[in-house]
N, C-alpha and C. Protein backbone atom coordinates (compact mmCIF):
# COMPACT_ATOMS: atom_id res chain seq x y z
N MET A 1 -18.21 6.09 9.48
CA MET A 1 -17.90 7.03 8.42
C MET A 1 -16.45 7.50 8.58
N SER A 2 -15.66 7.33 7.55
CA SER A 2 -14.25 7.71 7.58
C SER A 2 -14.09 9.20 7.33
N GLU A 3 -13.20 9.80 8.10
CA GLU A 3 -12.85 11.19 7.86
C GLU A 3 -11.66 11.28 6.92
N VAL A 4 -10.98 10.16 6.69
CA VAL A 4 -9.78 10.11 5.87
C VAL A 4 -10.11 9.84 4.40
N LEU A 5 -11.07 8.96 4.19
CA LEU A 5 -11.39 8.51 2.83
C LEU A 5 -12.79 8.96 2.43
N PRO A 6 -13.02 9.23 1.18
CA PRO A 6 -12.04 9.29 0.10
C PRO A 6 -11.20 10.56 0.20
N ALA A 7 -10.05 10.54 -0.46
CA ALA A 7 -9.15 11.69 -0.48
C ALA A 7 -8.78 12.00 -1.93
N LEU A 8 -8.72 13.27 -2.24
CA LEU A 8 -8.26 13.70 -3.55
C LEU A 8 -6.94 14.42 -3.32
N VAL A 9 -5.87 13.91 -3.93
CA VAL A 9 -4.56 14.53 -3.79
C VAL A 9 -4.04 14.89 -5.18
N THR A 10 -3.26 15.93 -5.23
CA THR A 10 -2.61 16.32 -6.48
C THR A 10 -1.13 16.06 -6.30
N VAL A 11 -0.57 15.26 -7.19
CA VAL A 11 0.84 14.87 -7.07
C VAL A 11 1.74 15.80 -7.87
N ARG A 12 3.02 15.53 -7.81
CA ARG A 12 4.06 16.39 -8.38
C ARG A 12 3.74 17.02 -9.73
N ASP A 13 3.30 16.25 -10.67
CA ASP A 13 3.09 16.78 -12.02
C ASP A 13 1.68 17.34 -12.23
N GLY A 14 0.97 17.59 -11.12
CA GLY A 14 -0.37 18.17 -11.20
C GLY A 14 -1.48 17.17 -11.44
N LEU A 15 -1.13 15.89 -11.45
CA LEU A 15 -2.11 14.83 -11.69
C LEU A 15 -3.00 14.63 -10.47
N PRO A 16 -4.33 14.72 -10.63
CA PRO A 16 -5.22 14.46 -9.50
C PRO A 16 -5.43 12.95 -9.31
N VAL A 17 -5.27 12.51 -8.07
CA VAL A 17 -5.41 11.09 -7.72
C VAL A 17 -6.44 10.97 -6.62
N THR A 18 -7.39 10.07 -6.83
CA THR A 18 -8.37 9.77 -5.79
C THR A 18 -7.91 8.52 -5.04
N ILE A 19 -7.93 8.59 -3.73
CA ILE A 19 -7.61 7.44 -2.89
C ILE A 19 -8.85 7.17 -2.06
N ARG A 20 -9.35 5.95 -2.19
CA ARG A 20 -10.61 5.61 -1.51
C ARG A 20 -10.53 4.18 -1.00
N GLY A 21 -11.51 3.83 -0.19
CA GLY A 21 -11.59 2.48 0.33
C GLY A 21 -12.11 1.50 -0.70
N TYR A 22 -11.71 0.26 -0.54
CA TYR A 22 -12.16 -0.83 -1.40
C TYR A 22 -13.64 -1.12 -1.14
N GLU A 23 -14.36 -1.42 -2.22
CA GLU A 23 -15.75 -1.87 -2.13
C GLU A 23 -15.87 -3.18 -2.88
N SER A 24 -16.83 -4.01 -2.51
CA SER A 24 -16.94 -5.35 -3.10
C SER A 24 -17.05 -5.33 -4.62
N GLY A 25 -17.64 -4.29 -5.19
CA GLY A 25 -17.75 -4.18 -6.64
C GLY A 25 -16.43 -3.90 -7.34
N ASP A 26 -15.37 -3.66 -6.58
CA ASP A 26 -14.06 -3.36 -7.14
C ASP A 26 -13.23 -4.61 -7.45
N ARG A 27 -13.73 -5.77 -7.08
CA ARG A 27 -12.92 -6.99 -7.18
C ARG A 27 -12.39 -7.25 -8.59
N ALA A 28 -13.23 -7.18 -9.61
CA ALA A 28 -12.79 -7.46 -10.98
C ALA A 28 -11.73 -6.45 -11.43
N ARG A 29 -11.91 -5.20 -11.05
CA ARG A 29 -10.91 -4.18 -11.40
C ARG A 29 -9.58 -4.44 -10.71
N LEU A 30 -9.64 -4.90 -9.48
CA LEU A 30 -8.41 -5.21 -8.75
C LEU A 30 -7.70 -6.40 -9.38
N GLU A 31 -8.46 -7.41 -9.79
CA GLU A 31 -7.85 -8.55 -10.49
C GLU A 31 -7.19 -8.10 -11.79
N ALA A 32 -7.85 -7.23 -12.54
CA ALA A 32 -7.28 -6.72 -13.80
C ALA A 32 -6.03 -5.88 -13.52
N PHE A 33 -6.05 -5.11 -12.43
CA PHE A 33 -4.88 -4.32 -12.04
C PHE A 33 -3.67 -5.24 -11.85
N TYR A 34 -3.86 -6.32 -11.11
CA TYR A 34 -2.74 -7.22 -10.85
C TYR A 34 -2.34 -8.02 -12.08
N ASP A 35 -3.27 -8.23 -13.00
CA ASP A 35 -2.93 -8.92 -14.24
C ASP A 35 -1.94 -8.09 -15.06
N SER A 36 -2.09 -6.76 -15.03
CA SER A 36 -1.21 -5.90 -15.82
C SER A 36 -0.02 -5.36 -15.02
N PHE A 37 0.05 -5.66 -13.74
CA PHE A 37 1.10 -5.14 -12.87
C PHE A 37 2.43 -5.81 -13.18
N GLU A 38 3.50 -5.01 -13.18
CA GLU A 38 4.86 -5.53 -13.34
C GLU A 38 5.77 -4.83 -12.34
N PRO A 39 6.79 -5.46 -11.84
CA PRO A 39 7.11 -6.87 -12.03
C PRO A 39 6.32 -7.74 -11.06
N LYS A 40 5.92 -8.88 -11.52
CA LYS A 40 5.19 -9.83 -10.68
C LYS A 40 6.17 -10.52 -9.73
N ARG A 41 5.66 -10.85 -8.57
CA ARG A 41 6.43 -11.55 -7.55
C ARG A 41 7.71 -10.79 -7.18
N ALA A 42 7.65 -9.46 -7.24
CA ALA A 42 8.84 -8.64 -7.03
C ALA A 42 9.25 -8.56 -5.57
N ALA A 43 8.32 -8.51 -4.67
CA ALA A 43 8.63 -8.34 -3.26
C ALA A 43 7.98 -9.47 -2.47
N GLN A 44 8.79 -10.33 -1.91
CA GLN A 44 8.30 -11.44 -1.10
C GLN A 44 7.28 -12.28 -1.85
N GLY A 45 7.45 -12.39 -3.15
CA GLY A 45 6.54 -13.20 -3.96
C GLY A 45 5.22 -12.55 -4.29
N LEU A 46 5.10 -11.26 -4.00
CA LEU A 46 3.86 -10.54 -4.25
C LEU A 46 4.09 -9.41 -5.24
N PRO A 47 3.13 -9.06 -6.03
CA PRO A 47 1.88 -9.78 -6.19
C PRO A 47 2.13 -11.10 -6.91
N PRO A 48 1.27 -12.07 -6.68
CA PRO A 48 1.46 -13.36 -7.33
C PRO A 48 1.26 -13.26 -8.84
N SER A 49 1.80 -14.22 -9.55
CA SER A 49 1.60 -14.24 -11.01
C SER A 49 0.53 -15.27 -11.35
N GLY A 50 -0.26 -14.99 -12.36
CA GLY A 50 -1.30 -15.90 -12.79
C GLY A 50 -2.64 -15.56 -12.17
N ALA A 51 -3.68 -15.60 -12.98
CA ALA A 51 -5.02 -15.21 -12.53
C ALA A 51 -5.50 -16.05 -11.35
N ASP A 52 -5.26 -17.36 -11.37
CA ASP A 52 -5.72 -18.23 -10.28
C ASP A 52 -5.04 -17.85 -8.96
N ARG A 53 -3.74 -17.60 -9.02
CA ARG A 53 -3.01 -17.23 -7.80
C ARG A 53 -3.46 -15.87 -7.28
N VAL A 54 -3.68 -14.93 -8.18
CA VAL A 54 -4.16 -13.61 -7.76
C VAL A 54 -5.52 -13.75 -7.09
N GLU A 55 -6.42 -14.54 -7.67
CA GLU A 55 -7.75 -14.74 -7.08
C GLU A 55 -7.64 -15.33 -5.68
N ARG A 56 -6.81 -16.35 -5.50
CA ARG A 56 -6.65 -16.97 -4.17
C ARG A 56 -6.05 -15.98 -3.17
N TRP A 57 -5.06 -15.21 -3.63
CA TRP A 57 -4.43 -14.23 -2.74
C TRP A 57 -5.45 -13.18 -2.32
N LEU A 58 -6.22 -12.65 -3.27
CA LEU A 58 -7.23 -11.66 -2.93
C LEU A 58 -8.30 -12.25 -2.02
N ASP A 59 -8.67 -13.51 -2.25
CA ASP A 59 -9.62 -14.18 -1.36
C ASP A 59 -9.11 -14.18 0.08
N ALA A 60 -7.79 -14.30 0.24
CA ALA A 60 -7.19 -14.36 1.57
C ALA A 60 -7.06 -12.98 2.21
N VAL A 61 -6.69 -11.96 1.43
CA VAL A 61 -6.40 -10.67 2.04
C VAL A 61 -7.58 -9.70 2.09
N LEU A 62 -8.50 -9.78 1.17
CA LEU A 62 -9.58 -8.79 1.12
C LEU A 62 -10.55 -8.83 2.31
N PRO A 63 -10.84 -10.00 2.89
CA PRO A 63 -11.81 -10.00 3.99
C PRO A 63 -11.36 -9.29 5.26
N THR A 64 -10.06 -9.06 5.42
CA THR A 64 -9.59 -8.43 6.66
C THR A 64 -8.82 -7.16 6.35
N GLY A 65 -8.69 -6.32 7.30
CA GLY A 65 -7.88 -5.13 7.17
C GLY A 65 -8.55 -4.01 6.40
N ILE A 66 -7.71 -3.09 6.01
CA ILE A 66 -8.14 -1.89 5.29
C ILE A 66 -7.47 -1.91 3.93
N HIS A 67 -8.24 -1.69 2.90
CA HIS A 67 -7.71 -1.69 1.53
C HIS A 67 -7.99 -0.35 0.89
N LEU A 68 -6.94 0.25 0.36
CA LEU A 68 -7.03 1.54 -0.29
C LEU A 68 -6.80 1.38 -1.79
N LEU A 69 -7.60 2.05 -2.58
CA LEU A 69 -7.43 2.04 -4.02
C LEU A 69 -7.08 3.44 -4.49
N ALA A 70 -6.08 3.52 -5.37
CA ALA A 70 -5.70 4.80 -5.97
C ALA A 70 -6.19 4.79 -7.41
N GLU A 71 -6.84 5.89 -7.81
CA GLU A 71 -7.41 5.98 -9.15
C GLU A 71 -7.04 7.31 -9.80
N VAL A 72 -6.83 7.25 -11.10
CA VAL A 72 -6.62 8.44 -11.92
C VAL A 72 -7.65 8.37 -13.03
N GLU A 73 -8.52 9.36 -13.07
CA GLU A 73 -9.58 9.42 -14.07
C GLU A 73 -10.34 8.10 -14.18
N GLY A 74 -10.66 7.51 -13.02
CA GLY A 74 -11.41 6.26 -12.97
C GLY A 74 -10.61 5.01 -13.20
N ARG A 75 -9.33 5.14 -13.54
CA ARG A 75 -8.47 3.96 -13.76
C ARG A 75 -7.80 3.57 -12.46
N LEU A 76 -7.91 2.31 -12.09
CA LEU A 76 -7.27 1.81 -10.88
C LEU A 76 -5.77 1.71 -11.13
N ILE A 77 -4.98 2.44 -10.33
CA ILE A 77 -3.53 2.47 -10.53
C ILE A 77 -2.74 2.03 -9.31
N GLY A 78 -3.42 1.77 -8.19
CA GLY A 78 -2.69 1.38 -6.99
C GLY A 78 -3.57 0.70 -5.96
N HIS A 79 -2.93 -0.11 -5.14
CA HIS A 79 -3.62 -0.83 -4.06
C HIS A 79 -2.72 -0.82 -2.84
N GLY A 80 -3.22 -0.28 -1.76
CA GLY A 80 -2.52 -0.33 -0.48
C GLY A 80 -3.33 -1.18 0.47
N LEU A 81 -2.64 -1.99 1.28
CA LEU A 81 -3.39 -2.80 2.24
C LEU A 81 -2.75 -2.75 3.61
N LEU A 82 -3.61 -2.70 4.58
CA LEU A 82 -3.24 -2.72 5.99
C LEU A 82 -3.86 -3.97 6.60
N CYS A 83 -3.04 -4.96 6.87
CA CYS A 83 -3.55 -6.25 7.39
C CYS A 83 -3.13 -6.43 8.84
N PRO A 84 -4.10 -6.64 9.74
CA PRO A 84 -3.78 -6.83 11.15
C PRO A 84 -2.84 -8.01 11.37
N MET A 85 -1.85 -7.81 12.24
CA MET A 85 -0.88 -8.87 12.56
C MET A 85 -1.11 -9.39 13.98
N GLU A 86 -0.96 -8.50 14.91
CA GLU A 86 -1.16 -8.83 16.31
C GLU A 86 -1.89 -7.64 16.92
N GLU A 87 -2.23 -7.73 18.18
CA GLU A 87 -3.02 -6.69 18.82
C GLU A 87 -2.43 -5.30 18.59
N GLY A 88 -3.17 -4.46 17.87
CA GLY A 88 -2.77 -3.08 17.66
C GLY A 88 -1.75 -2.84 16.57
N VAL A 89 -1.25 -3.91 15.93
CA VAL A 89 -0.21 -3.78 14.90
C VAL A 89 -0.77 -4.23 13.57
N VAL A 90 -0.46 -3.47 12.53
CA VAL A 90 -0.94 -3.77 11.20
C VAL A 90 0.25 -3.78 10.24
N GLU A 91 0.23 -4.73 9.31
CA GLU A 91 1.26 -4.79 8.28
C GLU A 91 0.78 -3.99 7.07
N TYR A 92 1.70 -3.25 6.47
CA TYR A 92 1.36 -2.40 5.34
C TYR A 92 2.12 -2.84 4.09
N ALA A 93 1.43 -2.82 2.97
CA ALA A 93 2.05 -3.07 1.67
C ALA A 93 1.31 -2.22 0.64
N VAL A 94 2.02 -1.83 -0.40
CA VAL A 94 1.41 -1.00 -1.44
C VAL A 94 2.00 -1.40 -2.79
N TRP A 95 1.13 -1.40 -3.80
CA TRP A 95 1.54 -1.68 -5.17
C TRP A 95 1.02 -0.55 -6.04
N LEU A 96 1.89 -0.04 -6.90
CA LEU A 96 1.54 1.05 -7.79
C LEU A 96 1.87 0.63 -9.22
N HIS A 97 0.91 0.80 -10.12
CA HIS A 97 1.11 0.40 -11.51
C HIS A 97 2.36 1.07 -12.07
N GLN A 98 3.11 0.32 -12.83
CA GLN A 98 4.40 0.77 -13.36
C GLN A 98 4.32 2.07 -14.18
N ASP A 99 3.19 2.36 -14.79
CA ASP A 99 3.05 3.59 -15.58
C ASP A 99 2.90 4.84 -14.72
N PHE A 100 2.74 4.66 -13.40
CA PHE A 100 2.45 5.80 -12.53
C PHE A 100 3.45 5.95 -11.39
N ARG A 101 4.59 5.31 -11.48
CA ARG A 101 5.60 5.41 -10.43
C ARG A 101 6.43 6.68 -10.58
N SER A 102 7.11 7.03 -9.51
CA SER A 102 8.02 8.19 -9.47
C SER A 102 7.32 9.52 -9.70
N ARG A 103 6.08 9.61 -9.23
CA ARG A 103 5.32 10.86 -9.37
C ARG A 103 4.79 11.37 -8.03
N GLY A 104 5.10 10.64 -6.95
CA GLY A 104 4.61 11.03 -5.64
C GLY A 104 3.31 10.36 -5.24
N ILE A 105 2.78 9.51 -6.11
CA ILE A 105 1.50 8.84 -5.82
C ILE A 105 1.67 7.85 -4.67
N GLY A 106 2.75 7.08 -4.70
CA GLY A 106 2.99 6.11 -3.63
C GLY A 106 3.08 6.79 -2.28
N THR A 107 3.79 7.91 -2.22
CA THR A 107 3.91 8.65 -0.96
C THR A 107 2.54 9.15 -0.50
N ALA A 108 1.72 9.61 -1.43
CA ALA A 108 0.37 10.05 -1.07
C ALA A 108 -0.44 8.89 -0.51
N VAL A 109 -0.37 7.73 -1.15
CA VAL A 109 -1.09 6.55 -0.64
C VAL A 109 -0.55 6.17 0.74
N ASN A 110 0.77 6.22 0.91
CA ASN A 110 1.36 5.89 2.21
C ASN A 110 0.82 6.81 3.31
N ARG A 111 0.76 8.09 3.03
CA ARG A 111 0.28 9.05 4.04
C ARG A 111 -1.19 8.82 4.38
N ILE A 112 -1.99 8.54 3.38
CA ILE A 112 -3.41 8.26 3.63
C ILE A 112 -3.55 6.95 4.42
N ALA A 113 -2.73 5.95 4.10
CA ALA A 113 -2.76 4.68 4.82
C ALA A 113 -2.43 4.89 6.30
N VAL A 114 -1.47 5.74 6.58
CA VAL A 114 -1.11 6.05 7.97
C VAL A 114 -2.32 6.64 8.69
N GLU A 115 -2.99 7.58 8.05
CA GLU A 115 -4.15 8.20 8.68
C GLU A 115 -5.31 7.21 8.83
N ALA A 116 -5.48 6.33 7.85
CA ALA A 116 -6.54 5.32 7.94
C ALA A 116 -6.26 4.35 9.08
N ALA A 117 -4.99 3.96 9.26
CA ALA A 117 -4.63 3.06 10.35
C ALA A 117 -4.84 3.74 11.70
N ARG A 118 -4.47 5.00 11.78
CA ARG A 118 -4.67 5.76 13.02
C ARG A 118 -6.17 5.86 13.34
N GLU A 119 -6.96 6.19 12.33
CA GLU A 119 -8.41 6.32 12.50
C GLU A 119 -9.03 4.99 12.95
N ALA A 120 -8.47 3.86 12.48
CA ALA A 120 -8.99 2.54 12.84
C ALA A 120 -8.53 2.08 14.22
N GLY A 121 -7.66 2.85 14.86
CA GLY A 121 -7.25 2.54 16.22
C GLY A 121 -5.99 1.69 16.34
N PHE A 122 -5.27 1.47 15.26
CA PHE A 122 -4.01 0.73 15.36
C PHE A 122 -2.97 1.60 16.04
N ARG A 123 -2.01 0.97 16.70
CA ARG A 123 -0.96 1.73 17.38
C ARG A 123 0.38 1.70 16.66
N ARG A 124 0.54 0.75 15.73
CA ARG A 124 1.81 0.65 15.00
C ARG A 124 1.57 0.05 13.62
N ILE A 125 2.34 0.56 12.65
CA ILE A 125 2.34 -0.01 11.30
C ILE A 125 3.74 -0.58 11.06
N TRP A 126 3.78 -1.78 10.53
CA TRP A 126 5.05 -2.46 10.21
C TRP A 126 5.05 -2.80 8.73
N LEU A 127 6.22 -2.73 8.12
CA LEU A 127 6.37 -3.16 6.74
C LEU A 127 7.76 -3.69 6.51
N SER A 128 7.92 -4.44 5.44
CA SER A 128 9.25 -4.86 5.02
C SER A 128 9.45 -4.41 3.59
N VAL A 129 10.69 -4.10 3.27
CA VAL A 129 11.04 -3.56 1.96
C VAL A 129 12.45 -4.02 1.63
N GLU A 130 12.70 -4.23 0.35
CA GLU A 130 14.05 -4.57 -0.06
C GLU A 130 14.95 -3.37 0.17
N PRO A 131 16.09 -3.54 0.85
CA PRO A 131 16.96 -2.40 1.18
C PRO A 131 17.48 -1.65 -0.05
N GLY A 132 17.52 -2.31 -1.20
CA GLY A 132 17.98 -1.66 -2.42
C GLY A 132 16.90 -0.85 -3.12
N ASN A 133 15.67 -0.91 -2.65
CA ASN A 133 14.57 -0.18 -3.27
C ASN A 133 14.55 1.24 -2.70
N ARG A 134 15.46 2.06 -3.19
CA ARG A 134 15.66 3.40 -2.65
C ARG A 134 14.42 4.29 -2.78
N ALA A 135 13.71 4.14 -3.89
CA ALA A 135 12.50 4.96 -4.08
C ALA A 135 11.46 4.63 -3.01
N ALA A 136 11.27 3.35 -2.72
CA ALA A 136 10.31 2.95 -1.70
C ALA A 136 10.77 3.42 -0.31
N LEU A 137 12.04 3.26 -0.02
CA LEU A 137 12.56 3.70 1.28
C LEU A 137 12.33 5.20 1.48
N ARG A 138 12.59 6.01 0.45
CA ARG A 138 12.35 7.46 0.54
C ARG A 138 10.87 7.75 0.74
N SER A 139 10.03 7.05 -0.02
CA SER A 139 8.60 7.27 0.06
C SER A 139 8.07 6.93 1.46
N TYR A 140 8.47 5.79 1.98
CA TYR A 140 8.03 5.41 3.33
C TYR A 140 8.55 6.40 4.38
N SER A 141 9.80 6.82 4.23
CA SER A 141 10.36 7.79 5.17
C SER A 141 9.59 9.10 5.14
N ARG A 142 9.21 9.56 3.96
CA ARG A 142 8.44 10.80 3.84
C ARG A 142 7.08 10.69 4.53
N ALA A 143 6.56 9.47 4.60
CA ALA A 143 5.27 9.25 5.26
C ALA A 143 5.42 9.06 6.77
N GLY A 144 6.67 9.04 7.27
CA GLY A 144 6.89 8.95 8.71
C GLY A 144 7.46 7.64 9.21
N PHE A 145 7.68 6.66 8.34
CA PHE A 145 8.25 5.38 8.77
C PHE A 145 9.72 5.55 9.09
N ARG A 146 10.21 4.73 10.03
CA ARG A 146 11.63 4.71 10.34
C ARG A 146 12.15 3.29 10.24
N MET A 147 13.41 3.17 9.89
CA MET A 147 14.05 1.88 9.73
C MET A 147 14.23 1.21 11.10
N VAL A 148 13.96 -0.09 11.16
CA VAL A 148 14.22 -0.86 12.38
C VAL A 148 15.72 -1.16 12.40
N PRO A 149 16.42 -0.73 13.44
CA PRO A 149 17.87 -0.95 13.49
C PRO A 149 18.21 -2.43 13.32
N GLY A 150 19.28 -2.67 12.61
CA GLY A 150 19.74 -4.04 12.42
C GLY A 150 19.15 -4.74 11.21
N THR A 151 18.19 -4.10 10.53
CA THR A 151 17.58 -4.77 9.37
C THR A 151 18.04 -4.16 8.04
N VAL A 152 18.82 -3.09 8.11
CA VAL A 152 19.23 -2.39 6.89
C VAL A 152 20.02 -3.30 5.95
N PHE A 153 20.81 -4.19 6.51
CA PHE A 153 21.66 -5.05 5.68
C PHE A 153 21.08 -6.45 5.50
N SER A 154 19.81 -6.60 5.84
CA SER A 154 19.11 -7.87 5.66
C SER A 154 18.55 -7.94 4.25
N LEU A 155 18.07 -9.13 3.87
CA LEU A 155 17.41 -9.26 2.56
C LEU A 155 16.14 -8.43 2.51
N GLU A 156 15.47 -8.31 3.63
CA GLU A 156 14.27 -7.48 3.74
C GLU A 156 14.45 -6.55 4.94
N ALA A 157 14.54 -5.27 4.67
CA ALA A 157 14.61 -4.29 5.74
C ALA A 157 13.22 -4.11 6.33
N GLU A 158 13.16 -3.77 7.61
CA GLU A 158 11.88 -3.53 8.26
C GLU A 158 11.77 -2.06 8.62
N MET A 159 10.56 -1.54 8.50
CA MET A 159 10.28 -0.17 8.89
C MET A 159 9.02 -0.17 9.75
N VAL A 160 8.94 0.79 10.66
CA VAL A 160 7.77 0.92 11.52
C VAL A 160 7.37 2.38 11.63
N LEU A 161 6.12 2.54 12.00
CA LEU A 161 5.62 3.87 12.32
C LEU A 161 4.70 3.70 13.52
N ASP A 162 5.06 4.36 14.63
CA ASP A 162 4.23 4.31 15.82
C ASP A 162 3.17 5.38 15.72
N LEU A 163 1.91 4.98 15.93
CA LEU A 163 0.78 5.89 15.77
C LEU A 163 0.34 6.52 17.07
N GLU A 164 0.77 5.98 18.19
CA GLU A 164 0.37 6.55 19.47
C GLU A 164 1.17 7.82 19.70
N GLU A 165 0.50 8.79 20.25
CA GLU A 165 1.17 10.08 20.45
C GLU A 165 1.64 10.25 21.84
């Protein structure tokens, strides 16, 4: 039983957002979310474009890790995933529907993801982000991530958050 999920957060403009764990019955909604998501293939080729590619990608990522869904009034508006990489380390990625960006929802999902990873016993979260994506960099920083030195001027900057105290 998770102490982190589900979570109800209120973001900047007073909008209530539910963040909860993925359940098998959510698959069709997640596919529809990615069908309407823009821009496609924006970061490292994700999310993929085309229904067949989305289905294959979800087949690969859903069986492992922790998946968080963000909802507003029952509408799926975000997906965060924590995928194990190596012992104790998990990779993090998050997608937020274009109609709901710049409202603090991504930061809320990031913070819940950190707590979910900590609760699951991971010791570190790693992510990569385009260095020019200032909104994402701010959001990740607000959730506690720090830039990995030497990656700021790379095509993909790396950020980490150590969960051990």
